[in-house]
C-alpha atoms as a PDB file:
ATOM      1  CA  MET A   1     -11.470  -6.099 -28.618  1.00  0.00           C
ATOM      2  CA  ASN A   2     -10.797  -4.358 -25.108  1.00  0.00           C
ATOM      3  CA  ASN A   3      -8.429  -4.660 -22.739  1.00  0.00           C
ATOM      4  CA  TYR A   4     -10.621  -6.311 -20.403  1.00  0.00           C
ATOM      5  CA  THR A   5     -11.750  -8.990 -22.709  1.00  0.00           C
ATOM      6  CA  LYS A   6      -7.967  -9.599 -23.622  1.00  0.00           C
ATOM      7  CA  TYR A   7      -6.880 -10.125 -20.149  1.00  0.00           C
ATOM      8  CA  GLY A   8      -9.913 -12.127 -19.551  1.00  0.00           C
ATOM      9  CA  LEU A   9      -9.425 -14.383 -22.389  1.00  0.00           C
ATOM     10  CA  ILE A  10      -5.437 -14.835 -20.985  1.00  0.00           C
ATOM     11  CA  PHE A  11      -6.576 -15.363 -17.267  1.00  0.00           C
ATOM     12  CA  LEU A  12      -9.061 -17.956 -18.232  1.00  0.00           C
ATOM     13  CA  GLY A  13      -5.918 -19.636 -20.444  1.00  0.00           C
ATOM     14  CA  GLY A  14      -3.875 -19.446 -17.790  1.00  0.00           C
ATOM     15  CA  VAL A  15      -6.406 -21.017 -15.299  1.00  0.00           C
ATOM     16  CA  ALA A  16      -7.214 -24.069 -18.240  1.00  0.00           C
ATOM     17  CA  LEU A  17      -3.597 -24.551 -18.688  1.00  0.00           C
ATOM     18  CA  GLY A  18      -3.168 -24.479 -14.731  1.00  0.00           C
ATOM     19  CA  ALA A  19      -5.871 -27.204 -14.586  1.00  0.00           C
ATOM     20  CA  LEU A  20      -4.521 -29.368 -17.170  1.00  0.00           C
ATOM     21  CA  GLY A  21      -0.892 -29.238 -15.426  1.00  0.00           C
ATOM     22  CA  ALA A  22      -2.364 -30.354 -11.978  1.00  0.00           C
ATOM     23  CA  MET A  23      -4.630 -32.963 -13.143  1.00  0.00           C
ATOM     24  CA  ALA A  24      -1.572 -34.293 -15.048  1.00  0.00           C
ATOM     25  CA  ILE A  25       1.007 -33.925 -11.937  1.00  0.00           C
ATOM     26  CA  SER A  26      -1.838 -35.785  -9.534  1.00  0.00           C
ATOM     27  CA  ARG A  27      -2.146 -38.696 -12.085  1.00  0.00           C
ATOM     28  CA  GLY A  28       0.942 -39.512 -12.117  1.00  0.00           C
ATOM     29  CA  ARG A  29       1.743 -39.072 -16.033  1.00  0.00           C
ATOM     30  CA  VAL A  30       4.635 -36.516 -16.107  1.00  0.00           C
ATOM     31  CA  GLN A  31       7.204 -37.956 -13.913  1.00  0.00           C
ATOM     32  CA  GLY A  32       9.831 -35.795 -11.977  1.00  0.00           C
ATOM     33  CA  VAL A  33       7.707 -33.008 -12.131  1.00  0.00           C
ATOM     34  CA  LYS A  34       6.263 -32.952  -9.010  1.00  0.00           C
ATOM     35  CA  PRO A  35       9.396 -32.404  -7.064  1.00  0.00           C
ATOM     36  CA  LEU A  36       9.955 -29.169  -9.252  1.00  0.00           C
ATOM     37  CA  ALA A  37       6.426 -27.977  -8.808  1.00  0.00           C
ATOM     38  CA  THR A  38       7.109 -28.266  -5.013  1.00  0.00           C
ATOM     39  CA  ASP A  39      10.060 -26.427  -5.062  1.00  0.00           C
ATOM     40  CA  LEU A  40       8.176 -23.747  -7.141  1.00  0.00           C
ATOM     41  CA  VAL A  41       5.666 -23.278  -4.850  1.00  0.00           C
ATOM     42  CA  ALA A  42       8.037 -23.274  -1.878  1.00  0.00           C
ATOM     43  CA  GLY A  43       9.578 -20.839  -3.409  1.00  0.00           C
ATOM     44  CA  GLY A  44       6.588 -18.569  -4.549  1.00  0.00           C
ATOM     45  CA  ILE A  45       5.998 -18.850  -0.487  1.00  0.00           C
ATOM     46  CA  ALA A  46       9.115 -17.371   0.527  1.00  0.00           C
ATOM     47  CA  LEU A  47       8.961 -14.743  -2.409  1.00  0.00           C
ATOM     48  CA  ARG A  48       5.324 -13.647  -0.403  1.00  0.00           C
ATOM     49  CA  ASP A  49       7.175 -14.012   3.182  1.00  0.00           C
ATOM     50  CA  LYS A  50       9.581 -11.795   1.653  1.00  0.00           C
ATOM     51  CA  LEU A  51       7.627  -9.116  -0.366  1.00  0.00           C
ATOM     52  CA  MET A  52       5.190  -9.135   3.007  1.00  0.00           C
ATOM     53  CA  SER A  53       8.058  -7.783   5.148  1.00  0.00           C
ATOM     54  CA  VAL A  54       8.876  -5.269   2.919  1.00  0.00           C
ATOM     55  CA  ALA A  55       5.752  -3.900   2.293  1.00  0.00           C
ATOM     56  CA  GLU A  56       4.766  -3.800   6.384  1.00  0.00           C
ATOM     57  CA  GLY A  57       8.181  -1.703   6.254  1.00  0.00           C
ATOM     58  CA  VAL A  58       6.616   0.392   3.698  1.00  0.00           C
ATOM     59  CA  LYS A  59       3.434   0.969   5.778  1.00  0.00           C
ATOM     60  CA  GLU A  60       5.242   1.752   9.043  1.00  0.00           C
ATOM     61  CA  ASP A  61       7.291   4.518   7.170  1.00  0.00           C
ATOM     62  CA  ILE A  62       4.332   5.986   5.658  1.00  0.00           C
ATOM     63  CA  GLU A  63       2.412   5.649   8.778  1.00  0.00           C
ATOM     64  CA  ASP A  64       5.506   7.602   9.769  1.00  0.00           C
ATOM     65  CA  VAL A  65       5.454  10.622   7.918  1.00  0.00           C
ATOM     66  CA  VAL A  66       1.924  10.851   8.115  1.00  0.00           C
ATOM     67  CA  ALA A  67       1.507  11.160  12.079  1.00  0.00           C
ATOM     68  CA  GLU A  68       4.590  13.688  11.355  1.00  0.00           C
ATOM     69  CA  ALA A  69       2.701  15.866   8.659  1.00  0.00           C
ATOM     70  CA  GLN A  70      -0.090  15.988  11.067  1.00  0.00           C
ATOM     71  CA  LEU A  71       1.765  17.282  13.828  1.00  0.00           C
ATOM     72  CA  LYS A  72       2.830  19.538  11.742  1.00  0.00           C
ATOM     73  CA  ASN A  73      -0.133  20.399  10.124  1.00  0.00           C
ATOM     74  CA  GLN A  74      -1.433  21.262  14.030  1.00  0.00           C
ATOM     75  CA  GLU A  75       1.677  23.290  15.038  1.00  0.00           C
ATOM     76  CA  LYS A  76       1.268  25.581  11.892  1.00  0.00           C
ATOM     77  CA  LYS A  77      -2.960  25.820  13.222  1.00  0.00           C
ATOM     78  CA  ALA A  78      -1.802  26.259  16.641  1.00  0.00           C
ATOM     79  CA  ALA A  79       0.974  29.298  15.687  1.00  0.00           C
ATOM     80  CA  GLN A  80      -1.328  30.956  13.012  1.00  0.00           C
ATOM     81  CA  GLU A  81      -4.372  31.246  15.802  1.00  0.00           C
ATOM     82  CA  ALA A  82      -2.184  32.874  18.668  1.00  0.00           C
ATOM     83  CA  GLN A  83      -1.168  35.362  15.776  1.00  0.00           C
ATOM     84  CA  GLU A  84      -4.814  35.990  14.813  1.00  0.00           C
ATOM     85  CA  THR A  85      -5.134  36.322  18.693  1.00  0.00           C
ATOM     86  CA  ALA A  86      -2.137  38.870  19.259  1.00  0.00           C
ATOM     87  CA  GLN A  87      -3.438  40.590  16.148  1.00  0.00           C
ATOM     88  CA  ALA A  88      -6.920  40.645  17.660  1.00  0.00           C
ATOM     89  CA  VAL A  89      -5.555  41.922  20.989  1.00  0.00           C
ATOM     90  CA  GLN A  90      -3.374  44.584  19.415  1.00  0.00           C
ATOM     91  CA  ASP A  91      -6.065  46.161  17.415  1.00  0.00           C
ATOM     92  CA  SER A  92      -8.888  46.120  20.354  1.00  0.00           C
ATOM     93  CA  ALA A  93      -5.456  48.058  22.165  1.00  0.00           C
ATOM     94  CA  VAL A  94      -5.349  50.701  19.181  1.00  0.00           C
ATOM     95  CA  GLU A  95      -9.186  51.276  19.552  1.00  0.00           C
ATOM     96  CA  LYS A  96      -9.351  51.780  23.073  1.00  0.00           C
ATOM     97  CA  THR A  97      -6.367  54.327  22.847  1.00  0.00           C
ATOM     98  CA  PRO A  98      -7.641  58.118  22.748  1.00  0.00           C
ATOM     99  CA  ALA A  99      -6.965  60.043  19.619  1.00  0.00           C
END
């Protein structure tokens, strides 16, 4: 059994178990579980919001690093072009000098 099949079966088992739990809660057969489920979902939503804010901060940091890297790359390229131009001017001056 490969990993895809294994994880697929685990996922389907979780879906089936969740569906059974949802049916039991909605029909009122399990007393006292609905408030617990509500608290768990509220905690999950709060966790998601926290993770999204952290992810947004990380995204902004990565964008800053990329922008700085692009600027540094442009500066290197400009310096290299200036050096090549200076070398070309120097070479042409040497060629024009009479021997």
